[in-house]
Protein backbone atom coordinates (compact mmCIF):
# COMPACT_ATOMS: atom_id res chain seq x y z
CA MET A 1 24.51 0.90 51.84
CA ARG A 2 21.88 -2.18 52.48
CA THR A 3 18.79 1.07 51.47
CA VAL A 4 20.58 1.25 47.75
CA ILE A 5 20.98 -2.59 47.49
CA ALA A 6 17.35 -2.60 48.65
CA LEU A 7 16.37 -0.12 45.84
CA LEU A 8 18.24 -1.83 43.22
CA VAL A 9 16.31 -5.36 43.72
CA ALA A 10 13.46 -3.97 43.76
CA LEU A 11 14.20 -2.08 40.63
CA VAL A 12 14.93 -5.31 39.38
CA VAL A 13 11.37 -6.93 40.51
CA ALA A 14 9.54 -3.39 38.65
CA VAL A 15 11.39 -3.32 35.47
CA PRO A 16 8.95 -5.18 32.76
CA ALA A 17 9.95 -7.36 29.99
CA LEU A 18 10.00 -5.67 26.75
CA ALA A 19 7.87 -7.23 23.54
CA GLY A 20 9.03 -6.37 20.04
CA PRO A 21 9.31 -3.54 17.63
CA PRO A 22 6.84 -4.33 14.74
CA LEU A 23 8.91 -6.38 11.89
CA ASN A 24 10.81 -4.76 9.50
CA GLY A 25 9.75 -5.73 6.12
CA THR A 26 7.43 -5.15 3.30
CA TYR A 27 3.55 -5.93 3.40
CA LYS A 28 1.01 -5.66 0.88
CA SER A 29 -2.68 -5.36 0.56
CA ILE A 30 -4.65 -8.61 -0.72
CA ASP A 31 -5.86 -6.96 -3.84
CA LEU A 32 -2.41 -6.53 -5.29
CA PRO A 33 -1.02 -9.23 -7.72
CA GLY A 34 0.12 -12.50 -6.37
CA GLY A 35 -1.84 -11.28 -2.98
CA GLY A 36 -0.45 -9.61 -0.06
CA THR A 37 -1.61 -9.83 4.04
CA VAL A 38 -2.56 -6.47 4.64
CA LEU A 39 -6.43 -5.16 4.69
CA THR A 40 -7.97 -2.82 2.13
CA GLY A 41 -9.48 0.29 3.78
CA ARG A 42 -12.45 2.73 3.12
CA TYR A 43 -11.61 6.39 4.02
CA ALA A 44 -13.71 9.50 4.71
CA GLU A 45 -12.27 12.68 4.34
CA TYR A 46 -13.87 16.13 6.10
CA GLN A 47 -14.45 19.28 3.62
CA PRO A 48 -15.74 21.84 5.67
CA THR A 49 -15.20 24.71 3.20
CA THR A 50 -14.35 22.55 -0.42
CA PRO A 51 -13.94 19.45 -1.30
CA VAL A 52 -9.97 20.55 -2.37
CA ALA A 53 -9.00 22.73 0.22
CA LYS A 54 -6.96 23.71 3.18
CA PHE A 55 -8.19 22.33 6.38
CA ASN A 56 -9.64 19.01 4.54
CA THR A 57 -8.77 15.96 6.94
CA LEU A 58 -8.77 12.67 6.23
CA ASN A 59 -9.61 9.44 8.21
CA GLU A 60 -8.87 6.22 7.03
CA MET A 61 -9.45 2.18 8.17
CA SER A 62 -8.93 -1.09 7.39
CA TRP A 63 -12.10 -2.96 6.60
CA ASP A 64 -12.43 -7.20 6.49
CA GLY A 65 -16.18 -7.04 5.42
CA SER A 66 -17.57 -6.37 8.61
CA THR A 67 -15.24 -4.23 10.44
CA LEU A 68 -13.46 -1.16 10.71
CA GLY A 69 -10.09 -0.22 12.06
CA GLY A 70 -9.51 -3.74 13.06
CA GLN A 71 -5.83 -4.09 10.99
CA TRP A 72 -4.79 -0.17 10.54
CA TRP A 73 -6.11 2.92 11.04
CA TRP A 74 -4.57 6.13 9.86
CA TYR A 75 -6.20 9.60 11.19
CA CYS A 76 -6.08 12.96 11.45
CA PRO A 77 -3.54 14.10 8.65
CA TRP A 78 -4.89 17.51 7.13
CA MET A 79 -4.36 19.71 4.34
CA THR A 80 -1.51 22.23 5.36
CA MET A 81 -1.48 24.48 2.35
CA VAL A 82 -4.00 25.50 -0.50
CA PRO A 83 -3.52 22.47 -3.14
CA THR A 84 -1.35 22.98 -6.59
CA LEU A 85 -3.11 23.06 -9.71
CA ILE A 86 -0.81 21.21 -12.21
CA HIS A 87 -2.79 20.21 -15.24
CA ASP A 88 -6.21 21.31 -15.90
CA GLY A 89 -7.78 19.74 -18.58
CA VAL A 90 -11.37 20.26 -18.08
CA VAL A 91 -12.76 22.07 -21.25
CA GLY A 92 -16.61 22.81 -21.51
CA GLY A 93 -17.06 21.34 -18.09
CA ASN A 94 -15.89 18.11 -19.14
CA GLY A 95 -12.23 16.75 -18.61
CA ASN A 96 -9.65 15.89 -16.05
CA ARG A 97 -7.86 18.40 -13.17
CA ILE A 98 -4.67 17.48 -11.24
CA TYR A 99 -3.58 18.56 -7.96
CA ARG A 100 -0.67 18.22 -5.78
CA THR A 101 -2.11 18.43 -1.87
CA MET A 102 0.36 18.31 1.24
CA TYR A 103 -0.56 17.10 4.60
CA ALA A 104 0.59 17.02 7.89
CA GLY A 105 0.47 15.74 10.97
CA GLY A 106 -2.12 13.02 12.68
CA PHE A 107 -1.35 9.27 13.47
CA CYS A 108 -1.62 5.75 12.49
CA TRP A 109 -1.99 2.80 14.47
CA PHE A 110 -1.28 -1.03 13.32
CA ASP A 111 -2.46 -3.91 15.28
CA GLY A 112 0.05 -6.23 16.75
CA GLY A 113 -1.57 -9.11 15.30
CA GLY A 114 -0.78 -7.79 11.83
CA PRO A 115 2.06 -9.61 9.90
CA TRP A 116 4.41 -6.74 10.91
CA GLY A 117 3.20 -8.41 14.72
CA ASN A 118 6.65 -8.82 17.01
CA GLY A 119 5.23 -9.38 20.22
CA ASP A 120 3.34 -6.07 21.39
CA ALA A 121 -0.05 -5.70 21.14
CA GLU A 122 -0.46 -2.73 19.08
CA TYR A 123 1.78 -0.19 17.52
CA THR A 124 1.32 3.72 17.03
CA ALA A 125 3.41 5.85 14.70
CA GLU A 126 3.03 9.94 13.80
CA ILE A 127 3.08 11.07 10.49
CA ASP A 128 5.41 13.16 9.12
CA SER A 129 4.74 13.75 5.65
CA TRP A 130 1.50 12.68 3.49
CA ILE A 131 1.70 14.21 -0.39
CA THR A 132 -0.94 13.37 -2.46
CA LEU A 133 -1.75 13.19 -6.35
CA LEU A 134 -5.45 14.28 -6.72
CA THR A 135 -7.03 13.47 -9.88
CA GLU A 136 -10.73 14.98 -10.58
CA THR A 137 -12.56 14.07 -13.33
CA TRP A 138 -15.34 16.75 -14.27
CA ALA A 139 -18.92 15.79 -16.65
CA GLY A 140 -21.03 18.66 -17.49
CA GLY A 141 -19.82 21.00 -15.20
CA VAL A 142 -20.09 19.23 -12.48
CA LEU A 143 -17.32 16.44 -10.36
CA VAL A 144 -18.26 12.98 -10.92
CA GLY A 145 -15.24 11.34 -9.03
CA SER A 146 -11.45 11.62 -7.89
CA VAL A 147 -8.90 9.68 -7.48
CA ARG A 148 -5.56 9.53 -5.69
CA THR A 149 -2.03 8.21 -4.90
CA ILE A 150 -0.47 8.87 -1.66
CA ASN A 151 2.92 9.08 -0.32
CA ALA A 152 3.06 8.41 3.69
CA GLY A 153 5.46 8.36 6.31
CA ALA A 154 5.96 8.16 10.31
CA ASN A 155 7.57 7.38 13.17
CA PHE A 156 6.94 4.55 15.30
CA VAL A 157 7.04 5.72 19.28
CA GLY A 158 8.56 3.71 21.96
CA TYR A 159 11.60 2.23 19.38
CA THR A 160 14.10 3.58 18.61
CA GLU A 161 14.52 7.05 16.45
CA GLY A 162 14.42 5.60 13.13
CA CYS A 163 12.08 3.58 13.27
CA ALA A 164 10.01 4.58 10.67
CA LEU A 165 7.30 3.27 8.27
CA LEU A 166 6.28 4.34 4.15
CA SER A 167 3.33 4.16 2.88
CA LEU A 168 2.38 4.06 -0.86
CA GLN A 169 -1.63 3.78 -1.56
CA ASN A 170 -4.50 4.90 -3.47
CA THR A 171 -7.58 6.08 -2.86
CA GLU A 172 -11.14 6.47 -5.15
CA MET A 173 -14.14 8.43 -3.94
CA ILE A 174 -17.48 6.73 -3.72
CA GLY A 175 -19.54 9.32 -2.75
CA SER A 176 -19.73 12.80 -1.71
CA THR A 177 -22.37 14.87 0.29
CA TYR A 178 -21.42 17.94 -2.58
CA LEU A 179 -23.12 15.62 -4.59
CA GLY A 180 -25.79 15.08 -2.47
CA GLY A 181 -24.88 11.82 -0.85
CA THR A 182 -25.13 10.72 2.59
CA LEU A 183 -21.86 8.73 4.66
CA PRO A 184 -22.74 5.21 4.87
CA ALA A 185 -22.96 3.27 7.91
CA ASP A 186 -20.01 1.27 7.01
CA TYR A 187 -17.46 3.83 6.37
CA PRO A 188 -15.32 5.98 8.92
CA ASP A 189 -16.54 9.00 10.72
CA PHE A 190 -15.36 12.68 9.45
CA TRP A 191 -12.73 13.69 11.58
CA GLU A 192 -11.37 17.46 12.71
CA HIS A 193 -7.54 17.89 12.66
CA ALA A 194 -7.99 20.43 15.44
CA PRO A 195 -8.25 18.92 18.10
CA CYS A 196 -7.93 15.34 16.27
CA ALA A 197 -11.78 13.64 16.92
CA SER A 198 -14.85 12.84 15.36
CA VAL A 199 -17.62 15.24 13.72
CA GLY A 200 -19.80 12.42 13.32
CA THR A 201 -21.40 11.35 9.40
CA ALA A 202 -22.95 14.62 8.59
CA GLY A 203 -19.79 16.42 7.06
CA PRO A 204 -19.46 18.01 4.71
CA GLY A 205 -17.10 15.55 2.90
CA GLU A 206 -16.50 12.49 0.38
CA TRP A 207 -15.68 9.10 1.32
CA GLY A 208 -14.43 6.14 -0.64
CA THR A 209 -12.15 2.80 -0.97
CA VAL A 210 -8.13 2.55 -0.18
CA GLU A 211 -6.97 0.09 -2.34
CA GLY A 212 -3.30 -0.94 -3.77
CA ILE A 213 -1.58 -0.59 -0.53
CA THR A 214 2.44 -1.00 -0.25
CA ILE A 215 3.86 -0.42 3.57
CA THR A 216 7.30 -0.83 3.92
CA ILE A 217 8.69 -0.80 7.99
CA GLN A 218 12.47 0.10 8.61
CA ASP A 219 15.31 0.34 10.92
CA CYS A 220 13.05 -0.83 13.91
CA GLU A 221 14.50 -2.16 16.84
CA THR A 222 13.80 -2.16 20.85
CA VAL A 223 15.03 0.70 22.81
CA PRO A 224 18.15 -0.66 24.59
CA ALA A 225 16.31 -1.58 28.19
CA THR A 226 17.63 -1.11 31.83
CA PRO A 227 19.83 -3.32 33.69
CA THR A 228 17.06 -5.89 34.55
CA SER A 229 19.29 -8.70 36.08
CA TRP A 230 21.13 -8.29 39.52
CA GLY A 231 24.69 -9.37 37.69
CA GLN A 232 23.83 -6.28 35.49
CA ILE A 233 23.00 -4.07 38.28
CA LYS A 234 26.40 -5.23 40.31
CA GLN A 235 28.31 -4.38 36.86
CA ILE A 236 27.34 -0.73 37.25
CA TYR A 237 28.66 -0.28 41.09
CA GLU A 238 32.08 -2.29 40.51
């Protein structure tokens, strides 16, 4: 019995105090009307075959004017199927094309010092959905621009099962290797989804801005801790 008590006392000492899950709430980016607390960002999409194709992989990072990824980072969601063309208004090489694209996999990271901070140094989540409405603009038979509206969802790791986030964001292409450009130094690297890792800056792929962000965090609670006081442990065995 003394051995059991000694072990239980050791557990009381060994179990660390838990900090807090991300704060539930809705957070908007600084560019939206009224001003928000979420930084806008920059992205690079690795496009190994064509600009709109299966296996394209995204890498998005916050940008404060000097530092990439200091507040948030979305990486390695990849296009899991051939995009669906839902509108083709390109006539004579001019006009718009609209695609619906589906991504899956990947992760996101939030700095614990962000507006959602609640005690932990950082928060990580696994992406479970990423749906994009992509609008391309063509002129003279050449792709000259594209914008996306993105709806994403992810589940935080290490908290209650329902602890999740929803993200609405907009991106705009700034350049592309397919248009003769070179990825600038102050943009994220191109990443491949398998393995989830950087493939450098050569591409091929495109890059641009991430703006108009709305993030909603919901149902986040701390996972119930094991007993951490001698009184609590005694109650288990009484």
